[in-house]
Amino acid sequence: MDDQGRQSFVCRCVSDILNGLSDGLTHFSGPSRAAVVFALRPDSPMVLCDPQNLLKGHEPIFKNLYLDSQQWRGNDKVRPDRRYSTEIVPVRDPGLAGLLSNGGYSGPIFFQQWFTEHHPDLCSTGPTECWLEHAVWRLSCDLAGDAELYTGISGYFLREYAAHAVRDHIVDLINAHLGWDTPMRVYPILDAVLMISKTQEEGAWPEGRLLFVDPCMVDQLHFLVRFQKALQPQLINCKHVRKLLLTVEHSERSLVSDGQAVLGICDGALPSFFICADFRGRHGFLRVNGNAVCSFADGKFNSTTYQAKPVQLEELLLESNLSRVDCYLLFKTVVSLVQHAQQRKHGCAIVIDLNEQPVRISGQSLAPPLDLRKPDTLNLTKSLAKVDGAVHIGADMHVHGFACLLDGRAFEGEDLARGARYNSALRFTAEHPQIIVVVVSSDRPVSVIHQGMDVRGGCAWPQQHSCMYRFDRLDHWVGL
């Protein structure tokens, strides 16, 4: 293969993996970009493929790592032979703010480092890091083959990698705690969790905990009920297991399984290592030793914590004239109100008024205003937020009104696909630049609206999709 053909083959491999990685992570974690920097040989220039400007703003760090210093070219552990495509020598994560990465050295491609966004509401970074690790392995294997035999399967596989990423991360944790010889098989556990989560019992979604423990740790549990071995329900019988969850819902009890059958019901005493499926109705969480790995809903795994963390609101408050202490207190208060509304599954709107003198808003005005720094007031405000209209909170940490009607003139930035609460907030903030409105919808993500714009819901990067992306030399990209 000539140099031009080889370059076209590399471009196709990288582009397919980039598309699959971005699409897969978008379904798992929300809109996600991906980028890669790599050098084919030790003497090759470092190049970059970043179609959605994920790495923009980090130019000085890349210049320092790969241009000012050439230490990355000195790896002598790599056998320069394409046959050794699975031998990946890992490289250190550069620790870029807001990004996750994984990379390595190998025979077919001397150096590669993949990047994606670190979303603020991840249960765990583990599955995403496994995803990136697999992208490194797939590119090395693809470039080890011939162009004539290339199928493009890597991109498709990475697009559907969610369950595999969760499994790989859990296997890493099992190996670290129990070693390599445990009989627990993770894939059947994951399949059972998803099947049970989709199974209703008398119209109700499952609630309660299902523990998976290694057979050698069963004796560490305190069983309240233990089923006879011949009568133990098999895990694959999801309808039966769903019925048994009725015995542990809304309690500290848990069903116990060894990964094959349900052994019985135990109390709150837990073994030194366990996997827990925490069913909470329409969604649930998969935990290892109490730490959330991922969530699940609608028959698939995802990364969200189901707890709003409106980072854009925090940024807007920090840019205001409020002190850091007042920013922190106001942010924590609003997050508490938002999370309460989400847990109760009702919509609400919260007006954050940063003016020295709060503006007058039509609604139920409070005289005197309520001090939100008092715990009882915060609980009362959570109830006030249920009423149609908005809760009006000033920069002084006082509630100035509730059931407030947000009015304003129509403008081109409205979203006709959204409801009255959302568009009223757009209109109102367009005419009041010192006001932020947080809108919670029962069926949509939280929206942070400022100066007539949804700073959370708007996509800040162009969603480009292409069969072939172009590469940039790193020295040209950083402006040298």
Protein backbone atom coordinates (compact mmCIF):
# COMPACT_ATOMS: atom_id res chain seq x y z
CA MET A 1 0.00 0.00 0.00
CA ASP A 2 1.43 3.41 -0.97
CA ASP A 3 1.59 6.32 1.46
CA GLN A 4 -1.56 7.97 0.13
CA GLY A 5 -3.53 4.75 0.41
CA ARG A 6 -2.22 4.15 3.91
CA GLN A 7 -3.18 7.68 4.96
CA SER A 8 -6.69 7.21 3.57
CA PHE A 9 -7.01 3.90 5.46
CA VAL A 10 -5.90 5.51 8.74
CA CYS A 11 -8.36 8.35 8.19
CA ARG A 12 -11.21 5.91 7.67
CA CYS A 13 -10.35 3.86 10.75
CA VAL A 14 -10.07 6.92 13.01
CA SER A 15 -13.26 8.49 11.63
CA ASP A 16 -15.31 5.32 12.10
CA ILE A 17 -14.15 4.93 15.71
CA LEU A 18 -14.67 8.62 16.42
CA ASN A 19 -18.26 8.50 15.17
CA GLY A 20 -19.05 5.28 17.03
CA LEU A 21 -17.48 6.53 20.25
CA SER A 22 -19.33 9.86 20.16
CA ASP A 23 -22.69 8.29 19.27
CA GLY A 24 -22.40 5.58 21.91
CA LEU A 25 -21.41 7.96 24.69
CA THR A 26 -24.20 10.34 23.66
CA HIS A 27 -26.78 7.61 24.27
CA PHE A 28 -25.10 6.68 27.57
CA SER A 29 -24.35 10.12 29.04
CA GLY A 30 -26.03 12.77 26.89
CA PRO A 31 -24.47 14.82 24.06
CA SER A 32 -20.79 13.81 24.00
CA ARG A 33 -17.90 14.81 21.80
CA ALA A 34 -14.77 12.79 21.16
CA ALA A 35 -11.29 13.60 19.90
CA VAL A 36 -7.94 11.86 19.42
CA VAL A 37 -4.27 12.81 19.12
CA PHE A 38 -1.86 10.26 17.69
CA ALA A 39 1.45 9.58 15.97
CA LEU A 40 1.74 6.58 13.65
CA ARG A 41 5.49 6.04 14.18
CA PRO A 42 8.09 7.26 16.68
CA ASP A 43 9.35 9.82 14.14
CA SER A 44 5.90 10.87 12.86
CA PRO A 45 4.43 14.29 13.66
CA MET A 46 1.69 14.35 16.27
CA VAL A 47 -1.69 14.89 14.59
CA LEU A 48 -5.13 15.67 15.95
CA CYS A 49 -8.70 14.88 14.92
CA ASP A 50 -11.21 17.04 16.79
CA PRO A 51 -14.28 17.67 14.60
CA GLN A 52 -16.40 19.22 17.39
CA ASN A 53 -13.71 21.38 19.05
CA LEU A 54 -13.66 19.32 22.24
CA LEU A 55 -10.02 20.23 22.93
CA LYS A 56 -10.34 23.95 22.20
CA GLY A 57 -8.84 26.01 25.01
CA HIS A 58 -6.31 23.33 25.97
CA GLU A 59 -3.75 24.31 23.32
CA PRO A 60 -1.05 25.42 25.83
CA ILE A 61 -1.17 22.06 27.61
CA PHE A 62 -0.88 20.08 24.36
CA LYS A 63 2.01 22.29 23.27
CA ASN A 64 3.77 21.62 26.57
CA LEU A 65 3.12 17.86 26.51
CA TYR A 66 3.84 16.95 22.90
CA LEU A 67 5.77 19.81 21.24
CA ASP A 68 7.96 21.47 23.85
CA SER A 69 8.78 18.04 25.26
CA GLN A 70 9.64 14.98 23.18
CA GLN A 71 9.72 12.50 26.05
CA TRP A 72 6.61 10.77 24.70
CA ARG A 73 8.67 9.57 21.69
CA GLY A 74 11.10 7.65 23.88
CA ASN A 75 9.00 4.60 24.76
CA ASP A 76 11.13 1.49 24.21
CA LYS A 77 8.58 -1.05 25.50
CA VAL A 78 6.67 -1.17 22.22
CA ARG A 79 7.57 -3.85 19.69
CA PRO A 80 7.38 -2.11 16.29
CA ASP A 81 5.45 -4.94 14.65
CA ARG A 82 1.83 -4.79 13.57
CA ARG A 83 1.31 -8.37 14.73
CA TYR A 84 1.44 -7.22 18.35
CA SER A 85 -1.70 -5.09 18.09
CA THR A 86 -3.16 -6.24 21.41
CA GLU A 87 -0.08 -5.32 23.42
CA ILE A 88 -1.03 -1.84 24.63
CA VAL A 89 1.36 0.06 26.90
CA PRO A 90 -0.91 2.55 28.73
CA VAL A 91 -0.05 6.23 29.04
CA ARG A 92 -0.90 8.60 31.85
CA ASP A 93 -4.05 10.70 31.73
CA PRO A 94 -2.94 14.33 31.27
CA GLY A 95 -5.74 15.43 33.60
CA LEU A 96 -7.37 18.08 31.42
CA ALA A 97 -10.21 19.94 33.15
CA GLY A 98 -13.63 18.66 32.13
CA LEU A 99 -12.24 15.77 30.06
CA LEU A 100 -11.71 12.03 30.45
CA SER A 101 -9.02 10.28 28.44
CA ASN A 102 -7.26 7.00 27.76
CA GLY A 103 -4.31 6.20 25.55
CA GLY A 104 -1.43 3.90 24.88
CA TYR A 105 1.51 2.76 22.76
CA SER A 106 1.31 -0.22 20.43
CA GLY A 107 2.99 -1.75 17.38
CA PRO A 108 0.47 -0.69 14.68
CA ILE A 109 0.16 2.90 15.98
CA PHE A 110 3.02 4.22 18.08
CA PHE A 111 0.99 6.65 20.23
CA GLN A 112 -2.71 7.49 20.64
CA GLN A 113 -4.77 9.34 23.24
CA TRP A 114 -8.59 9.53 23.12
CA PHE A 115 -10.67 12.21 24.88
CA THR A 116 -14.32 12.81 25.72
CA GLU A 117 -16.31 15.07 28.01
CA HIS A 118 -16.57 14.53 31.75
CA HIS A 119 -20.26 15.17 32.35
CA PRO A 120 -21.05 16.60 35.79
CA ASP A 121 -23.80 14.06 36.58
CA LEU A 122 -21.95 10.77 36.03
CA CYS A 123 -22.59 8.00 38.54
CA SER A 124 -19.01 6.86 37.87
CA THR A 125 -16.28 7.60 35.35
CA GLY A 126 -15.37 3.90 35.24
CA PRO A 127 -17.58 2.77 32.31
CA THR A 128 -16.59 5.79 30.19
CA GLU A 129 -12.91 5.13 30.86
CA CYS A 130 -13.41 1.50 29.78
CA TRP A 131 -15.10 2.81 26.64
CA LEU A 132 -12.08 4.96 25.81
CA GLU A 133 -9.72 2.10 26.61
CA HIS A 134 -11.56 -0.08 24.13
CA ALA A 135 -11.32 2.64 21.46
CA VAL A 136 -7.53 2.52 21.91
CA TRP A 137 -7.54 -1.25 21.47
CA ARG A 138 -9.88 -1.17 18.44
CA LEU A 139 -7.77 1.36 16.54
CA SER A 140 -4.62 -0.63 17.17
CA CYS A 141 -6.29 -3.83 15.91
CA ASP A 142 -7.77 -2.10 12.85
CA LEU A 143 -4.45 -0.63 11.78
CA ALA A 144 -2.78 -4.00 12.24
CA GLY A 145 -4.87 -5.43 9.39
CA ASP A 146 -5.02 -4.78 5.70
CA ALA A 147 -7.27 -2.16 4.12
CA GLU A 148 -8.83 -4.78 1.85
CA LEU A 149 -10.08 -6.74 4.88
CA TYR A 150 -11.34 -3.74 6.85
CA THR A 151 -15.04 -4.01 7.77
CA GLY A 152 -15.60 -0.89 9.89
CA ILE A 153 -17.04 -3.01 12.69
CA SER A 154 -15.18 -1.03 15.38
CA GLY A 155 -17.40 2.01 14.98
CA TYR A 156 -20.58 -0.04 15.17
CA PHE A 157 -19.31 -1.94 18.20
CA LEU A 158 -18.37 1.23 20.10
CA ARG A 159 -21.80 2.68 19.33
CA GLU A 160 -23.42 -0.26 21.17
CA TYR A 161 -20.79 -0.64 23.89
CA ALA A 162 -22.80 0.58 26.92
CA ALA A 163 -23.52 -2.79 28.55
CA HIS A 164 -19.99 -4.00 27.74
CA ALA A 165 -18.47 -0.87 29.32
CA VAL A 166 -20.48 -1.43 32.50
CA ARG A 167 -19.47 -5.09 32.52
CA ASP A 168 -15.78 -4.33 31.94
CA HIS A 169 -15.71 -1.83 34.80
CA ILE A 170 -17.43 -4.25 37.18
CA VAL A 171 -15.05 -7.05 36.17
CA ASP A 172 -12.11 -4.75 36.97
CA LEU A 173 -13.58 -4.15 40.44
CA ILE A 174 -14.24 -7.88 40.96
CA ASN A 175 -10.69 -8.77 39.96
CA ALA A 176 -9.30 -6.15 42.34
CA HIS A 177 -11.36 -7.43 45.29
CA LEU A 178 -11.86 -11.15 44.65
CA GLY A 179 -9.19 -12.15 42.15
CA TRP A 180 -9.53 -13.84 38.78
CA ASP A 181 -11.10 -17.13 39.85
CA THR A 182 -14.54 -15.97 41.05
CA PRO A 183 -17.47 -17.92 39.55
CA MET A 184 -19.60 -14.76 39.27
CA ARG A 185 -20.51 -14.00 35.65
CA VAL A 186 -21.42 -10.37 35.06
CA TYR A 187 -23.30 -10.52 31.76
CA PRO A 188 -26.16 -12.73 33.12
CA ILE A 189 -26.44 -10.36 36.09
CA LEU A 190 -26.74 -7.31 33.83
CA ASP A 191 -29.29 -9.05 31.59
CA ALA A 192 -31.39 -10.01 34.62
CA VAL A 193 -31.30 -6.48 36.04
CA LEU A 194 -32.58 -4.97 32.80
CA MET A 195 -35.28 -7.62 32.37
CA ILE A 196 -36.52 -7.20 35.95
CA SER A 197 -36.50 -3.40 35.62
CA LYS A 198 -38.93 -3.68 32.67
CA THR A 199 -41.29 -6.14 34.42
CA GLN A 200 -44.34 -4.69 36.12
CA GLU A 201 -46.30 -6.41 38.87
CA GLU A 202 -49.96 -5.42 39.01
CA GLY A 203 -49.11 -2.24 37.10
CA ALA A 204 -46.27 -1.20 39.43
CA TRP A 205 -42.61 -0.86 38.53
CA PRO A 206 -40.06 -2.75 40.67
CA GLU A 207 -38.70 -1.31 43.90
CA GLY A 208 -36.25 -2.80 46.36
CA ARG A 209 -32.70 -4.15 46.39
CA LEU A 210 -31.28 -7.29 44.82
CA LEU A 211 -27.78 -8.25 46.03
CA PHE A 212 -25.36 -10.38 44.04
CA VAL A 213 -22.61 -11.98 46.11
CA ASP A 214 -19.81 -14.42 45.45
CA PRO A 215 -20.74 -17.92 46.71
CA CYS A 216 -17.77 -17.87 49.09
CA MET A 217 -19.25 -14.80 50.85
CA VAL A 218 -22.78 -16.10 51.37
CA ASP A 219 -21.91 -17.07 54.95
CA GLN A 220 -21.18 -13.41 55.74
CA LEU A 221 -24.89 -12.60 55.31
CA HIS A 222 -27.59 -12.79 57.95
CA PHE A 223 -30.55 -14.50 56.28
CA LEU A 224 -34.05 -13.78 57.48
CA VAL A 225 -35.42 -16.29 54.97
CA ARG A 226 -33.38 -18.87 53.07
CA PHE A 227 -34.94 -20.84 50.25
CA GLN A 228 -34.42 -24.58 49.92
CA LYS A 229 -31.84 -25.33 47.27
CA ALA A 230 -34.25 -27.32 45.10
CA LEU A 231 -36.80 -24.48 45.23
CA GLN A 232 -34.50 -21.50 44.70
CA PRO A 233 -35.94 -19.26 41.94
CA GLN A 234 -33.60 -19.01 38.98
CA LEU A 235 -32.36 -15.52 38.15
CA ILE A 236 -33.34 -15.99 34.51
CA ASN A 237 -37.00 -16.22 35.59
CA CYS A 238 -37.39 -12.46 35.83
CA LYS A 239 -41.15 -12.59 36.46
CA HIS A 240 -40.64 -14.72 39.57
CA VAL A 241 -37.80 -12.52 40.84
CA ARG A 242 -39.96 -9.45 40.23
CA LYS A 243 -42.67 -10.94 42.47
CA LEU A 244 -40.12 -11.66 45.19
CA LEU A 245 -39.02 -8.01 45.18
CA LEU A 246 -42.37 -7.23 46.79
CA THR A 247 -40.96 -8.76 50.00
CA VAL A 248 -38.15 -6.21 50.28
CA GLU A 249 -39.56 -2.98 48.86
CA HIS A 250 -39.55 0.08 51.15
CA SER A 251 -37.36 -1.73 53.70
CA GLU A 252 -33.76 -2.39 54.69
CA ARG A 253 -34.09 -6.00 53.53
CA SER A 254 -32.59 -7.32 50.29
CA LEU A 255 -33.01 -10.30 48.03
CA VAL A 256 -29.76 -12.26 47.68
CA SER A 257 -28.49 -14.03 44.57
CA ASP A 258 -25.25 -15.80 43.69
CA GLY A 259 -25.67 -14.78 40.06
CA GLN A 260 -27.65 -17.89 39.15
CA ALA A 261 -30.50 -18.25 41.63
CA VAL A 262 -32.19 -16.25 44.41
CA LEU A 263 -30.93 -17.67 47.71
CA GLY A 264 -33.20 -15.83 50.12
CA ILE A 265 -33.83 -12.58 51.99
CA CYS A 266 -31.23 -10.93 54.22
CA ASP A 267 -31.16 -7.94 56.55
CA GLY A 268 -28.94 -4.89 56.31
CA ALA A 269 -25.66 -6.68 57.11
CA LEU A 270 -23.54 -6.66 53.94
CA PRO A 271 -20.56 -8.79 52.84
CA SER A 272 -17.12 -7.38 52.06
CA PHE A 273 -17.92 -7.36 48.33
CA PHE A 274 -21.29 -7.22 46.60
CA ILE A 275 -23.11 -5.95 43.53
CA CYS A 276 -26.46 -4.31 44.21
CA ALA A 277 -29.33 -3.58 41.83
CA ASP A 278 -31.30 -0.80 43.53
CA PHE A 279 -34.72 -0.66 41.84
CA ARG A 280 -36.56 2.65 42.28
CA GLY A 281 -39.59 2.33 40.06
CA ARG A 282 -39.06 3.56 36.51
CA HIS A 283 -35.30 3.70 37.03
CA GLY A 284 -32.65 2.26 39.31
CA PHE A 285 -28.95 2.15 40.13
CA LEU A 286 -26.30 -0.53 39.83
CA ARG A 287 -23.82 -0.30 42.70
CA VAL A 288 -20.64 -2.10 43.69
CA ASN A 289 -19.88 -2.01 47.42
CA GLY A 290 -22.40 0.82 47.75
CA ASN A 291 -20.83 3.03 45.07
CA ALA A 292 -22.98 3.74 42.03
CA VAL A 293 -21.55 2.40 38.75
CA CYS A 294 -24.43 3.43 36.49
CA SER A 295 -28.19 3.79 36.39
CA PHE A 296 -30.73 1.97 34.28
CA ALA A 297 -34.11 2.81 32.78
CA ASP A 298 -36.22 1.79 29.78
CA GLY A 299 -34.24 -1.41 29.35
CA LYS A 300 -30.79 0.18 28.96
CA PHE A 301 -27.92 1.43 31.07
CA ASN A 302 -26.96 5.09 31.33
CA SER A 303 -24.66 7.24 33.42
CA THR A 304 -26.98 9.82 34.97
CA THR A 305 -27.41 10.17 38.73
CA TYR A 306 -30.99 11.44 38.26
CA GLN A 307 -30.03 14.38 40.44
CA ALA A 308 -29.77 17.74 38.75
CA LYS A 309 -26.42 19.50 38.94
CA PRO A 310 -26.99 22.72 36.98
CA VAL A 311 -23.34 23.62 36.50
CA GLN A 312 -24.32 26.52 34.23
CA LEU A 313 -26.25 28.10 37.11
CA GLU A 314 -23.18 27.88 39.34
CA GLU A 315 -21.08 29.55 36.63
CA LEU A 316 -23.60 32.38 36.20
CA LEU A 317 -23.70 33.00 39.96
CA LEU A 318 -19.90 33.06 40.18
CA GLU A 319 -19.82 35.65 37.38
CA SER A 320 -22.26 37.88 39.28
CA ASN A 321 -21.43 40.46 41.96
CA LEU A 322 -22.37 38.11 44.78
CA SER A 323 -19.73 36.99 47.26
CA ARG A 324 -18.48 33.40 47.00
CA VAL A 325 -20.29 32.49 50.22
CA ASP A 326 -23.60 33.90 48.95
CA CYS A 327 -23.10 32.12 45.60
CA TYR A 328 -22.58 28.82 47.37
CA LEU A 329 -25.61 29.20 49.65
CA LEU A 330 -27.87 30.32 46.80
CA PHE A 331 -26.71 27.52 44.52
CA LYS A 332 -27.19 24.83 47.17
CA THR A 333 -30.66 26.17 47.96
CA VAL A 334 -31.78 26.14 44.33
CA VAL A 335 -30.34 22.64 43.76
CA SER A 336 -32.26 21.41 46.82
CA LEU A 337 -35.51 22.85 45.41
CA VAL A 338 -34.83 21.36 41.97
CA GLN A 339 -34.03 17.89 43.28
CA HIS A 340 -37.12 17.90 45.50
CA ALA A 341 -39.29 18.77 42.48
CA GLN A 342 -37.69 16.00 40.45
CA GLN A 343 -38.20 13.45 43.21
CA ARG A 344 -41.86 14.44 43.52
CA LYS A 345 -42.18 14.46 39.72
CA HIS A 346 -43.72 17.92 39.41
CA GLY A 347 -42.61 20.88 37.36
CA CYS A 348 -41.64 24.23 38.81
CA ALA A 349 -39.87 27.49 38.00
CA ILE A 350 -37.42 29.28 40.27
CA VAL A 351 -36.64 32.96 39.67
CA ILE A 352 -33.20 34.01 40.94
CA ASP A 353 -33.21 37.80 41.16
CA LEU A 354 -29.70 39.27 41.29
CA ASN A 355 -30.87 42.92 41.39
CA GLU A 356 -30.09 44.96 44.53
CA GLN A 357 -33.81 45.63 44.83
CA PRO A 358 -35.88 42.66 43.62
CA VAL A 359 -38.14 43.44 40.68
CA ARG A 360 -41.88 43.38 41.20
CA ILE A 361 -43.48 40.25 39.76
CA SER A 362 -47.21 39.60 39.61
CA GLY A 363 -48.14 36.83 42.04
CA GLN A 364 -48.34 36.08 45.74
CA SER A 365 -45.97 38.64 47.26
CA LEU A 366 -44.64 37.91 50.73
CA ALA A 367 -44.28 40.65 53.33
CA PRO A 368 -41.97 40.21 55.06
CA PRO A 369 -39.92 37.93 52.79
CA LEU A 370 -38.99 34.49 54.10
CA ASP A 371 -35.38 33.84 55.10
CA LEU A 372 -34.17 30.76 53.20
CA ARG A 373 -31.28 30.24 55.59
CA LYS A 374 -33.74 28.82 58.07
CA PRO A 375 -34.36 25.06 57.58
CA ASP A 376 -38.12 25.39 58.11
CA THR A 377 -38.33 28.06 55.42
CA LEU A 378 -36.55 25.87 52.89
CA ASN A 379 -39.02 23.05 53.51
CA LEU A 380 -41.92 25.48 53.13
CA THR A 381 -40.48 26.80 49.87
CA LYS A 382 -40.35 23.27 48.47
CA SER A 383 -44.11 23.12 48.98
CA LEU A 384 -44.65 26.61 47.55
CA ALA A 385 -42.85 25.51 44.39
CA LYS A 386 -45.65 23.02 43.66
CA VAL A 387 -48.11 25.84 43.02
CA ASP A 388 -48.49 27.00 39.41
CA GLY A 389 -46.20 29.90 38.73
CA ALA A 390 -42.65 30.67 39.84
CA VAL A 391 -40.94 31.03 43.21
CA HIS A 392 -39.17 34.41 43.45
CA ILE A 393 -35.82 34.29 45.31
CA GLY A 394 -33.66 37.38 45.77
CA ALA A 395 -29.91 37.75 46.08
CA ASP A 396 -30.54 38.36 49.79
CA MET A 397 -31.48 34.66 50.20
CA HIS A 398 -35.13 35.53 50.88
CA VAL A 399 -38.27 34.29 49.17
CA HIS A 400 -40.15 37.36 47.91
CA GLY A 401 -43.10 35.62 46.31
CA PHE A 402 -44.58 32.46 44.84
CA ALA A 403 -47.16 31.60 42.17
CA CYS A 404 -45.51 34.40 40.18
CA LEU A 405 -46.57 34.99 36.57
CA LEU A 406 -43.67 35.66 34.21
CA ASP A 407 -44.70 37.85 31.30
CA GLY A 408 -42.85 39.42 28.42
CA ARG A 409 -43.01 40.17 24.73
CA ALA A 410 -42.65 37.40 22.18
CA PHE A 411 -39.29 37.17 20.40
CA GLU A 412 -37.52 34.92 17.90
CA GLY A 413 -35.70 32.82 20.49
CA GLU A 414 -38.80 30.99 21.70
CA ASP A 415 -39.09 27.22 21.42
CA LEU A 416 -42.56 26.20 20.27
CA ALA A 417 -41.81 22.57 21.21
CA ARG A 418 -41.72 23.55 24.89
CA GLY A 419 -44.49 24.58 27.26
CA ALA A 420 -45.70 27.87 28.70
CA ARG A 421 -43.44 27.72 31.78
CA TYR A 422 -40.32 27.43 29.63
CA ASN A 423 -41.24 30.10 27.07
CA SER A 424 -42.46 32.51 29.73
CA ALA A 425 -39.02 32.22 31.35
CA LEU A 426 -37.37 32.97 28.00
CA ARG A 427 -39.50 36.09 27.52
CA PHE A 428 -39.07 37.33 31.10
CA THR A 429 -35.29 36.94 31.23
CA ALA A 430 -34.94 38.58 27.81
CA GLU A 431 -36.30 41.78 29.38
CA HIS A 432 -34.60 41.41 32.79
CA PRO A 433 -30.85 40.75 32.30
CA GLN A 434 -30.17 40.40 36.06
CA ILE A 435 -32.56 37.52 36.46
CA ILE A 436 -31.95 33.77 36.05
CA VAL A 437 -34.83 31.31 35.84
CA VAL A 438 -34.42 27.60 36.50
CA VAL A 439 -37.21 25.56 34.90
CA VAL A 440 -37.90 21.99 36.03
CA SER A 441 -40.13 19.91 33.76
CA SER A 442 -41.45 16.54 34.86
CA ASP A 443 -40.36 14.89 31.60
CA ARG A 444 -37.31 16.94 30.54
CA PRO A 445 -33.88 17.95 31.88
CA VAL A 446 -33.54 21.04 34.01
CA SER A 447 -33.19 24.26 32.00
CA VAL A 448 -31.18 27.28 33.15
CA ILE A 449 -32.42 30.41 31.35
CA HIS A 450 -30.61 33.74 31.31
CA GLN A 451 -31.06 36.78 29.06
CA GLY A 452 -33.55 34.97 26.87
CA MET A 453 -31.35 31.92 26.26
CA ASP A 454 -31.35 28.36 27.55
CA VAL A 455 -27.73 28.12 28.64
CA ARG A 456 -28.11 24.46 29.54
CA GLY A 457 -30.29 23.10 26.77
CA GLY A 458 -28.64 24.87 23.86
CA CYS A 459 -25.99 22.88 22.02
CA ALA A 460 -22.73 24.84 22.12
CA TRP A 461 -21.03 22.75 19.45
CA PRO A 462 -21.98 21.81 15.90
CA GLN A 463 -23.10 18.21 15.59
CA GLN A 464 -20.97 17.24 12.64
CA HIS A 465 -21.23 13.78 11.16
CA SER A 466 -18.96 12.69 8.39
CA CYS A 467 -17.61 9.50 6.88
CA MET A 468 -14.10 10.95 6.84
CA TYR A 469 -12.69 13.65 9.09
CA ARG A 470 -9.60 15.65 8.34
CA PHE A 471 -6.50 15.62 10.54
CA ASP A 472 -4.55 18.65 11.77
CA ARG A 473 -0.89 18.63 12.63
CA LEU A 474 -0.64 19.48 16.30
CA ASP A 475 1.95 22.21 15.74
CA HIS A 476 -0.37 23.94 13.25
CA TRP A 477 -3.37 23.52 15.58
CA VAL A 478 -1.64 25.26 18.49
CA GLY A 479 -0.64 28.10 16.21
CA LEU A 480 3.07 27.47 15.67
